[in-house]
């Protein structure tokens, strides 16, 4: 015969503000994870999207040439918090801080948007795509729910 025991959370987890409505939770670890997952939520109707865009073969010189324009074009997205983070995806750990010496694979971005189509439009309008650096047709775009953000 199986027995089911209800385990109460420790006393310090039982203290909850009257203004906070929490679903019943039987395990303190599950409650802790639930709090982490909801603390990194995006605005209503929007989702986080993880984007990895590979470079086209032989595009390093063009990347370096248009990089200042690319970085300038990111500013409105960063300021509006449409882009949470982004940067280089490298095939190997770089030995220096000089992008000309890096073994580029492409770029990554975490985008806040309503749809995958909106993300694709952003990628398609970037100078890296328009100048032939990014292979936008091979971009990987995943909807994501983050349990935590540590930056």
N, C-alpha and C. Protein backbone atom coordinates (compact mmCIF):
# COMPACT_ATOMS: atom_id res chain seq x y z
N UNK A 1 0.84 -1.16 0.00
CA UNK A 1 0.00 0.00 0.00
C UNK A 1 0.90 1.24 0.00
N UNK A 2 0.58 2.17 -0.88
CA UNK A 2 1.37 3.41 -0.99
C UNK A 2 0.77 4.47 -0.09
N UNK A 3 1.63 5.23 0.56
CA UNK A 3 1.18 6.33 1.41
C UNK A 3 1.62 7.65 0.78
N UNK A 4 0.80 8.65 0.87
CA UNK A 4 1.13 9.97 0.36
C UNK A 4 1.23 10.91 1.54
N UNK A 5 2.37 11.56 1.66
CA UNK A 5 2.60 12.50 2.74
C UNK A 5 2.67 13.90 2.17
N UNK A 6 2.01 14.84 2.77
CA UNK A 6 2.13 16.24 2.39
C UNK A 6 3.27 16.84 3.21
N UNK A 7 4.23 17.41 2.53
CA UNK A 7 5.38 18.00 3.21
C UNK A 7 5.21 19.51 3.20
N UNK A 8 5.23 20.10 4.36
CA UNK A 8 5.11 21.55 4.45
C UNK A 8 6.46 22.19 4.19
N UNK A 9 6.46 23.34 3.48
CA UNK A 9 7.73 24.03 3.27
C UNK A 9 8.26 24.58 4.59
N UNK A 10 9.55 24.84 4.65
CA UNK A 10 10.10 25.43 5.87
C UNK A 10 9.38 26.73 6.22
N UNK A 11 9.42 27.07 7.49
CA UNK A 11 8.69 28.23 7.99
C UNK A 11 9.04 29.51 7.25
N UNK A 12 10.32 29.71 6.90
CA UNK A 12 10.70 30.95 6.23
C UNK A 12 10.09 31.08 4.83
N UNK A 13 9.70 29.95 4.21
CA UNK A 13 9.04 30.01 2.91
C UNK A 13 7.54 30.21 3.04
N UNK A 14 7.01 30.04 4.25
CA UNK A 14 5.57 30.18 4.45
C UNK A 14 5.16 31.64 4.58
N UNK A 15 6.10 32.52 4.86
CA UNK A 15 5.78 33.94 5.01
C UNK A 15 5.65 34.55 3.62
N UNK A 16 4.45 34.94 3.27
CA UNK A 16 4.17 35.49 1.95
C UNK A 16 3.38 36.77 2.13
N UNK A 17 3.71 37.78 1.36
CA UNK A 17 2.97 39.04 1.40
C UNK A 17 1.52 38.78 1.04
N UNK A 18 0.61 39.50 1.67
CA UNK A 18 -0.81 39.33 1.43
C UNK A 18 -1.18 39.70 0.00
N UNK A 19 -0.37 40.53 -0.65
CA UNK A 19 -0.68 40.96 -2.01
C UNK A 19 -0.22 39.96 -3.06
N UNK A 20 0.51 38.94 -2.68
CA UNK A 20 1.02 37.96 -3.63
C UNK A 20 0.14 36.71 -3.58
N UNK A 21 -0.37 36.30 -4.74
CA UNK A 21 -1.15 35.07 -4.83
C UNK A 21 -0.25 34.01 -5.41
N UNK A 22 -0.08 32.94 -4.70
CA UNK A 22 0.78 31.86 -5.15
C UNK A 22 0.00 30.57 -5.26
N UNK A 23 0.24 29.82 -6.31
CA UNK A 23 -0.42 28.52 -6.40
C UNK A 23 0.13 27.58 -5.34
N UNK A 24 -0.68 26.59 -5.00
CA UNK A 24 -0.23 25.61 -4.02
C UNK A 24 1.01 24.90 -4.54
N UNK A 25 1.97 24.75 -3.68
CA UNK A 25 3.22 24.09 -4.06
C UNK A 25 3.60 23.16 -2.93
N UNK A 26 3.90 21.93 -3.23
CA UNK A 26 4.18 20.96 -2.19
C UNK A 26 5.65 20.78 -1.91
N UNK A 27 6.51 21.38 -2.72
CA UNK A 27 7.93 21.18 -2.51
C UNK A 27 8.67 22.50 -2.58
N UNK A 28 9.49 22.82 -1.57
CA UNK A 28 10.16 24.12 -1.55
C UNK A 28 11.09 24.35 -2.74
N UNK A 29 11.72 23.32 -3.25
CA UNK A 29 12.60 23.50 -4.41
C UNK A 29 11.78 23.88 -5.63
N UNK A 30 10.64 23.24 -5.83
CA UNK A 30 9.78 23.59 -6.96
C UNK A 30 9.32 25.03 -6.86
N UNK A 31 8.99 25.47 -5.66
CA UNK A 31 8.57 26.86 -5.45
C UNK A 31 9.71 27.82 -5.79
N UNK A 32 10.92 27.49 -5.41
CA UNK A 32 12.07 28.34 -5.70
C UNK A 32 12.29 28.45 -7.20
N UNK A 33 12.18 27.35 -7.91
CA UNK A 33 12.36 27.36 -9.37
C UNK A 33 11.25 28.16 -10.02
N UNK A 34 10.03 28.02 -9.54
CA UNK A 34 8.90 28.77 -10.09
C UNK A 34 9.15 30.27 -9.95
N UNK A 35 9.66 30.70 -8.79
CA UNK A 35 9.95 32.12 -8.58
C UNK A 35 11.02 32.59 -9.56
N UNK A 36 12.07 31.77 -9.79
CA UNK A 36 13.12 32.16 -10.73
C UNK A 36 12.54 32.30 -12.13
N UNK A 37 11.73 31.36 -12.55
CA UNK A 37 11.21 31.36 -13.91
C UNK A 37 10.32 32.57 -14.17
N UNK A 38 9.53 32.98 -13.20
CA UNK A 38 8.65 34.11 -13.41
C UNK A 38 9.35 35.44 -13.23
N UNK A 39 10.53 35.45 -12.61
CA UNK A 39 11.21 36.70 -12.38
C UNK A 39 11.91 37.22 -13.63
N UNK A 40 12.02 36.42 -14.68
CA UNK A 40 12.68 36.86 -15.89
C UNK A 40 11.68 37.00 -17.04
N UNK A 41 10.42 37.23 -16.71
CA UNK A 41 9.39 37.26 -17.75
C UNK A 41 9.54 38.47 -18.66
N UNK A 42 9.02 38.32 -19.86
CA UNK A 42 9.03 39.39 -20.85
C UNK A 42 7.69 40.11 -20.82
N UNK A 43 7.58 41.24 -21.52
CA UNK A 43 6.30 41.97 -21.53
C UNK A 43 5.17 41.09 -22.07
N UNK A 44 3.93 41.37 -21.66
CA UNK A 44 2.78 40.58 -22.14
C UNK A 44 2.72 40.57 -23.67
N UNK A 45 2.46 39.40 -24.23
CA UNK A 45 2.34 39.25 -25.67
C UNK A 45 3.66 39.10 -26.41
N UNK A 46 4.76 39.17 -25.67
CA UNK A 46 6.08 39.03 -26.29
C UNK A 46 6.78 37.80 -25.74
N UNK A 47 7.77 37.34 -26.47
CA UNK A 47 8.53 36.16 -26.08
C UNK A 47 10.01 36.43 -26.28
N UNK A 48 10.82 35.66 -25.58
CA UNK A 48 12.25 35.69 -25.80
C UNK A 48 12.56 34.71 -26.92
N UNK A 49 13.45 35.12 -27.81
CA UNK A 49 13.86 34.29 -28.94
C UNK A 49 15.37 34.20 -28.94
N UNK A 50 15.89 32.99 -28.97
CA UNK A 50 17.33 32.78 -29.10
C UNK A 50 17.61 32.65 -30.60
N UNK A 51 18.54 33.47 -31.07
CA UNK A 51 18.83 33.51 -32.50
C UNK A 51 20.32 33.25 -32.71
N UNK A 52 20.64 32.33 -33.59
CA UNK A 52 22.02 32.08 -34.02
C UNK A 52 22.03 32.19 -35.54
N UNK A 53 22.81 33.17 -36.02
CA UNK A 53 22.89 33.40 -37.46
C UNK A 53 24.31 33.09 -37.92
N UNK A 54 24.50 32.08 -38.78
CA UNK A 54 25.85 31.77 -39.26
C UNK A 54 26.30 32.77 -40.32
N UNK A 55 27.59 32.93 -40.42
CA UNK A 55 28.17 33.73 -41.49
C UNK A 55 28.25 32.89 -42.76
N UNK A 56 28.21 33.59 -43.90
CA UNK A 56 28.47 32.92 -45.17
C UNK A 56 29.96 32.65 -45.28
N UNK A 57 30.35 31.58 -45.93
CA UNK A 57 31.78 31.30 -46.11
C UNK A 57 32.49 32.46 -46.80
N UNK A 58 33.69 32.78 -46.33
CA UNK A 58 34.50 33.81 -46.96
C UNK A 58 34.03 35.24 -46.71
N UNK A 59 33.23 35.47 -45.67
CA UNK A 59 32.66 36.80 -45.44
C UNK A 59 33.41 37.63 -44.39
N UNK A 60 34.55 37.15 -43.91
CA UNK A 60 35.24 37.84 -42.82
C UNK A 60 35.59 39.28 -43.18
N UNK A 61 36.15 39.53 -44.34
CA UNK A 61 36.55 40.90 -44.71
C UNK A 61 35.34 41.82 -44.77
N UNK A 62 34.24 41.34 -45.33
CA UNK A 62 33.02 42.16 -45.40
C UNK A 62 32.48 42.41 -43.99
N UNK A 63 32.53 41.40 -43.13
CA UNK A 63 32.09 41.57 -41.74
C UNK A 63 32.87 42.70 -41.08
N UNK A 64 34.18 42.65 -41.19
CA UNK A 64 35.01 43.67 -40.55
C UNK A 64 34.75 45.06 -41.15
N UNK A 65 34.50 45.10 -42.44
CA UNK A 65 34.24 46.37 -43.14
C UNK A 65 32.95 47.04 -42.66
N UNK A 66 31.87 46.25 -42.51
CA UNK A 66 30.57 46.85 -42.16
C UNK A 66 30.26 46.77 -40.67
N UNK A 67 31.17 46.22 -39.88
CA UNK A 67 30.93 46.04 -38.44
C UNK A 67 30.55 47.34 -37.72
N UNK A 68 31.23 48.47 -37.97
CA UNK A 68 30.82 49.71 -37.29
C UNK A 68 29.37 50.10 -37.59
N UNK A 69 28.92 49.92 -38.83
CA UNK A 69 27.53 50.22 -39.20
C UNK A 69 26.57 49.24 -38.52
N UNK A 70 26.99 47.97 -38.45
CA UNK A 70 26.17 46.96 -37.77
C UNK A 70 25.98 47.33 -36.30
N UNK A 71 27.07 47.66 -35.62
CA UNK A 71 26.98 48.01 -34.19
C UNK A 71 26.14 49.28 -33.98
N UNK A 72 26.26 50.24 -34.87
CA UNK A 72 25.43 51.45 -34.79
C UNK A 72 23.95 51.11 -34.97
N UNK A 73 23.66 50.18 -35.88
CA UNK A 73 22.28 49.77 -36.14
C UNK A 73 21.65 49.00 -34.99
N UNK A 74 22.47 48.46 -34.10
CA UNK A 74 21.95 47.73 -32.94
C UNK A 74 21.40 48.65 -31.86
N UNK A 75 21.89 49.88 -31.80
CA UNK A 75 21.58 50.78 -30.70
C UNK A 75 20.08 50.95 -30.43
N UNK A 76 19.23 51.18 -31.43
CA UNK A 76 17.80 51.32 -31.13
C UNK A 76 17.19 50.06 -30.51
N UNK A 77 17.66 48.89 -30.94
CA UNK A 77 17.15 47.63 -30.38
C UNK A 77 17.61 47.43 -28.94
N UNK A 78 18.84 47.82 -28.67
CA UNK A 78 19.36 47.69 -27.30
C UNK A 78 18.65 48.68 -26.38
N UNK A 79 18.51 49.93 -26.83
CA UNK A 79 17.87 50.96 -26.01
C UNK A 79 16.40 50.65 -25.73
N UNK A 80 15.72 50.03 -26.69
CA UNK A 80 14.31 49.67 -26.49
C UNK A 80 14.15 48.34 -25.77
N UNK A 81 15.26 47.69 -25.45
CA UNK A 81 15.31 46.39 -24.81
C UNK A 81 14.71 45.27 -25.66
N UNK A 82 14.69 45.49 -26.98
CA UNK A 82 14.30 44.43 -27.91
C UNK A 82 15.40 43.38 -27.97
N UNK A 83 16.65 43.82 -27.85
CA UNK A 83 17.78 42.91 -27.77
C UNK A 83 18.24 42.85 -26.33
N UNK A 84 18.24 41.65 -25.75
CA UNK A 84 18.73 41.48 -24.37
C UNK A 84 20.23 41.29 -24.33
N UNK A 85 20.75 40.54 -25.28
CA UNK A 85 22.18 40.29 -25.37
C UNK A 85 22.50 39.81 -26.77
N UNK A 86 23.75 39.85 -27.12
CA UNK A 86 24.15 39.37 -28.43
C UNK A 86 25.64 39.48 -28.60
N UNK A 87 26.15 38.88 -29.66
CA UNK A 87 27.58 38.96 -29.92
C UNK A 87 28.05 37.86 -30.84
N UNK A 88 29.35 37.62 -30.76
CA UNK A 88 30.01 36.67 -31.65
C UNK A 88 29.74 35.23 -31.25
N UNK A 89 29.63 34.38 -32.27
CA UNK A 89 29.67 32.93 -32.09
C UNK A 89 30.95 32.50 -32.81
N UNK A 90 31.84 31.90 -32.05
CA UNK A 90 33.16 31.56 -32.57
C UNK A 90 33.35 30.05 -32.61
N UNK A 91 34.12 29.59 -33.57
CA UNK A 91 34.42 28.16 -33.67
C UNK A 91 35.45 27.72 -32.64
N UNK A 92 36.30 28.65 -32.24
CA UNK A 92 37.35 28.36 -31.26
C UNK A 92 37.49 29.53 -30.30
N UNK A 93 38.02 29.28 -29.13
CA UNK A 93 38.31 30.34 -28.17
C UNK A 93 39.35 31.28 -28.78
N UNK A 94 39.08 32.60 -28.77
CA UNK A 94 40.04 33.53 -29.38
C UNK A 94 41.28 33.71 -28.52
N UNK A 95 42.39 33.93 -29.18
CA UNK A 95 43.65 34.16 -28.48
C UNK A 95 43.90 35.64 -28.24
N UNK A 96 43.09 36.51 -28.88
CA UNK A 96 43.25 37.95 -28.69
C UNK A 96 41.88 38.62 -28.74
N UNK A 97 41.86 39.92 -28.50
CA UNK A 97 40.62 40.69 -28.58
C UNK A 97 40.41 41.31 -29.96
N UNK A 98 41.23 40.95 -30.92
CA UNK A 98 41.14 41.50 -32.26
C UNK A 98 40.18 40.64 -33.10
N UNK A 99 38.99 41.19 -33.46
CA UNK A 99 38.02 40.41 -34.23
C UNK A 99 38.55 39.89 -35.56
N UNK A 100 39.56 40.54 -36.11
CA UNK A 100 40.13 40.09 -37.39
C UNK A 100 40.83 38.74 -37.25
N UNK A 101 41.19 38.36 -36.03
CA UNK A 101 41.90 37.09 -35.81
C UNK A 101 40.97 35.97 -35.34
N UNK A 102 39.72 36.28 -35.10
CA UNK A 102 38.79 35.28 -34.57
C UNK A 102 38.35 34.31 -35.66
N UNK A 103 38.03 33.09 -35.25
CA UNK A 103 37.48 32.07 -36.13
C UNK A 103 35.95 32.16 -36.04
N UNK A 104 35.37 33.05 -36.83
CA UNK A 104 33.94 33.37 -36.76
C UNK A 104 33.07 32.21 -37.25
N UNK A 105 32.00 31.97 -36.51
CA UNK A 105 30.92 31.11 -37.01
C UNK A 105 29.75 31.98 -37.41
N UNK A 106 29.49 33.04 -36.63
CA UNK A 106 28.37 33.93 -36.89
C UNK A 106 28.08 34.79 -35.68
N UNK A 107 26.80 34.98 -35.41
CA UNK A 107 26.37 35.85 -34.31
C UNK A 107 25.22 35.20 -33.55
N UNK A 108 25.03 35.67 -32.32
CA UNK A 108 23.88 35.24 -31.52
C UNK A 108 23.20 36.48 -30.94
N UNK A 109 21.89 36.38 -30.76
CA UNK A 109 21.11 37.47 -30.19
C UNK A 109 19.98 36.84 -29.38
N UNK A 110 19.63 37.46 -28.27
CA UNK A 110 18.38 37.14 -27.59
C UNK A 110 17.46 38.32 -27.85
N UNK A 111 16.37 38.05 -28.57
CA UNK A 111 15.44 39.08 -29.04
C UNK A 111 14.12 38.94 -28.30
N UNK A 112 13.53 40.07 -27.92
CA UNK A 112 12.19 40.10 -27.35
C UNK A 112 11.25 40.55 -28.48
N UNK A 113 10.33 39.66 -28.87
CA UNK A 113 9.44 39.96 -30.00
C UNK A 113 8.15 39.17 -29.87
N UNK A 114 7.15 39.58 -30.64
CA UNK A 114 5.86 38.89 -30.61
C UNK A 114 5.87 37.59 -31.39
N UNK A 115 6.69 37.53 -32.45
CA UNK A 115 6.63 36.35 -33.32
C UNK A 115 7.98 36.06 -33.96
N UNK A 116 8.09 34.85 -34.47
CA UNK A 116 9.28 34.45 -35.20
C UNK A 116 9.43 35.30 -36.46
N UNK A 117 8.31 35.66 -37.08
CA UNK A 117 8.34 36.49 -38.28
C UNK A 117 8.93 37.86 -37.98
N UNK A 118 8.61 38.42 -36.82
CA UNK A 118 9.18 39.71 -36.42
C UNK A 118 10.70 39.59 -36.26
N UNK A 119 11.16 38.50 -35.68
CA UNK A 119 12.59 38.26 -35.51
C UNK A 119 13.26 38.15 -36.88
N UNK A 120 12.65 37.38 -37.79
CA UNK A 120 13.21 37.22 -39.14
C UNK A 120 13.33 38.57 -39.85
N UNK A 121 12.34 39.42 -39.68
CA UNK A 121 12.37 40.74 -40.31
C UNK A 121 13.55 41.57 -39.79
N UNK A 122 13.79 41.50 -38.48
CA UNK A 122 14.92 42.22 -37.89
C UNK A 122 16.23 41.70 -38.49
N UNK A 123 16.37 40.39 -38.58
CA UNK A 123 17.58 39.79 -39.14
C UNK A 123 17.76 40.18 -40.61
N UNK A 124 16.67 40.10 -41.37
CA UNK A 124 16.74 40.41 -42.80
C UNK A 124 17.11 41.87 -43.06
N UNK A 125 16.77 42.77 -42.14
CA UNK A 125 17.05 44.19 -42.34
C UNK A 125 18.41 44.63 -41.80
N UNK A 126 19.14 43.73 -41.17
CA UNK A 126 20.46 44.07 -40.64
C UNK A 126 21.47 44.19 -41.77
N UNK A 127 22.41 45.08 -41.61
CA UNK A 127 23.45 45.28 -42.64
C UNK A 127 24.29 44.03 -42.86
N UNK A 128 24.43 43.19 -41.85
CA UNK A 128 25.18 41.95 -42.05
C UNK A 128 24.47 41.05 -43.07
N UNK A 129 23.14 41.01 -43.03
CA UNK A 129 22.40 40.23 -44.03
C UNK A 129 22.46 40.91 -45.38
N UNK A 130 22.18 42.22 -45.40
CA UNK A 130 22.12 42.96 -46.67
C UNK A 130 23.47 43.02 -47.38
N UNK A 131 24.57 42.95 -46.63
CA UNK A 131 25.89 43.02 -47.26
C UNK A 131 26.50 41.64 -47.53
N UNK A 132 25.78 40.58 -47.19
CA UNK A 132 26.25 39.23 -47.50
C UNK A 132 27.11 38.58 -46.44
N UNK A 133 27.11 39.11 -45.22
CA UNK A 133 27.87 38.47 -44.14
C UNK A 133 27.07 37.32 -43.54
N UNK A 134 25.86 37.61 -43.10
CA UNK A 134 25.03 36.58 -42.48
C UNK A 134 24.33 35.74 -43.53
N UNK A 135 24.21 34.45 -43.26
CA UNK A 135 23.40 33.55 -44.07
C UNK A 135 22.05 33.42 -43.37
N UNK A 136 21.20 34.43 -43.59
CA UNK A 136 19.92 34.53 -42.86
C UNK A 136 19.00 33.34 -43.12
N UNK A 137 19.14 32.70 -44.27
CA UNK A 137 18.29 31.53 -44.56
C UNK A 137 18.61 30.36 -43.64
N UNK A 138 19.81 30.35 -43.07
CA UNK A 138 20.22 29.28 -42.17
C UNK A 138 20.13 29.68 -40.70
N UNK A 139 19.53 30.83 -40.43
CA UNK A 139 19.41 31.29 -39.04
C UNK A 139 18.57 30.31 -38.22
N UNK A 140 19.02 30.04 -37.01
CA UNK A 140 18.27 29.22 -36.06
C UNK A 140 17.55 30.17 -35.12
N UNK A 141 16.24 30.04 -35.02
CA UNK A 141 15.44 30.92 -34.18
C UNK A 141 14.55 30.04 -33.31
N UNK A 142 14.76 30.15 -31.99
CA UNK A 142 14.02 29.32 -31.04
C UNK A 142 13.29 30.21 -30.04
N UNK A 143 12.02 29.91 -29.79
CA UNK A 143 11.30 30.55 -28.68
C UNK A 143 11.91 30.00 -27.40
N UNK A 144 12.03 30.86 -26.38
CA UNK A 144 12.69 30.43 -25.14
C UNK A 144 11.97 30.97 -23.92
N UNK A 145 12.05 30.23 -22.85
CA UNK A 145 11.61 30.66 -21.51
C UNK A 145 12.81 30.46 -20.61
N UNK A 146 13.31 31.55 -20.06
CA UNK A 146 14.51 31.48 -19.23
C UNK A 146 14.15 31.26 -17.77
N UNK A 147 14.84 30.33 -17.14
CA UNK A 147 14.64 30.06 -15.72
C UNK A 147 15.37 31.12 -14.89
N UNK A 148 16.46 31.65 -15.43
CA UNK A 148 17.20 32.69 -14.73
C UNK A 148 18.02 33.50 -15.74
N UNK A 149 18.33 34.71 -15.38
CA UNK A 149 19.24 35.57 -16.14
C UNK A 149 20.22 36.12 -15.12
N UNK A 150 21.51 35.98 -15.40
CA UNK A 150 22.51 36.35 -14.42
C UNK A 150 23.48 37.38 -14.98
N UNK A 151 22.94 38.49 -15.49
CA UNK A 151 23.78 39.59 -15.94
C UNK A 151 23.04 40.87 -15.83
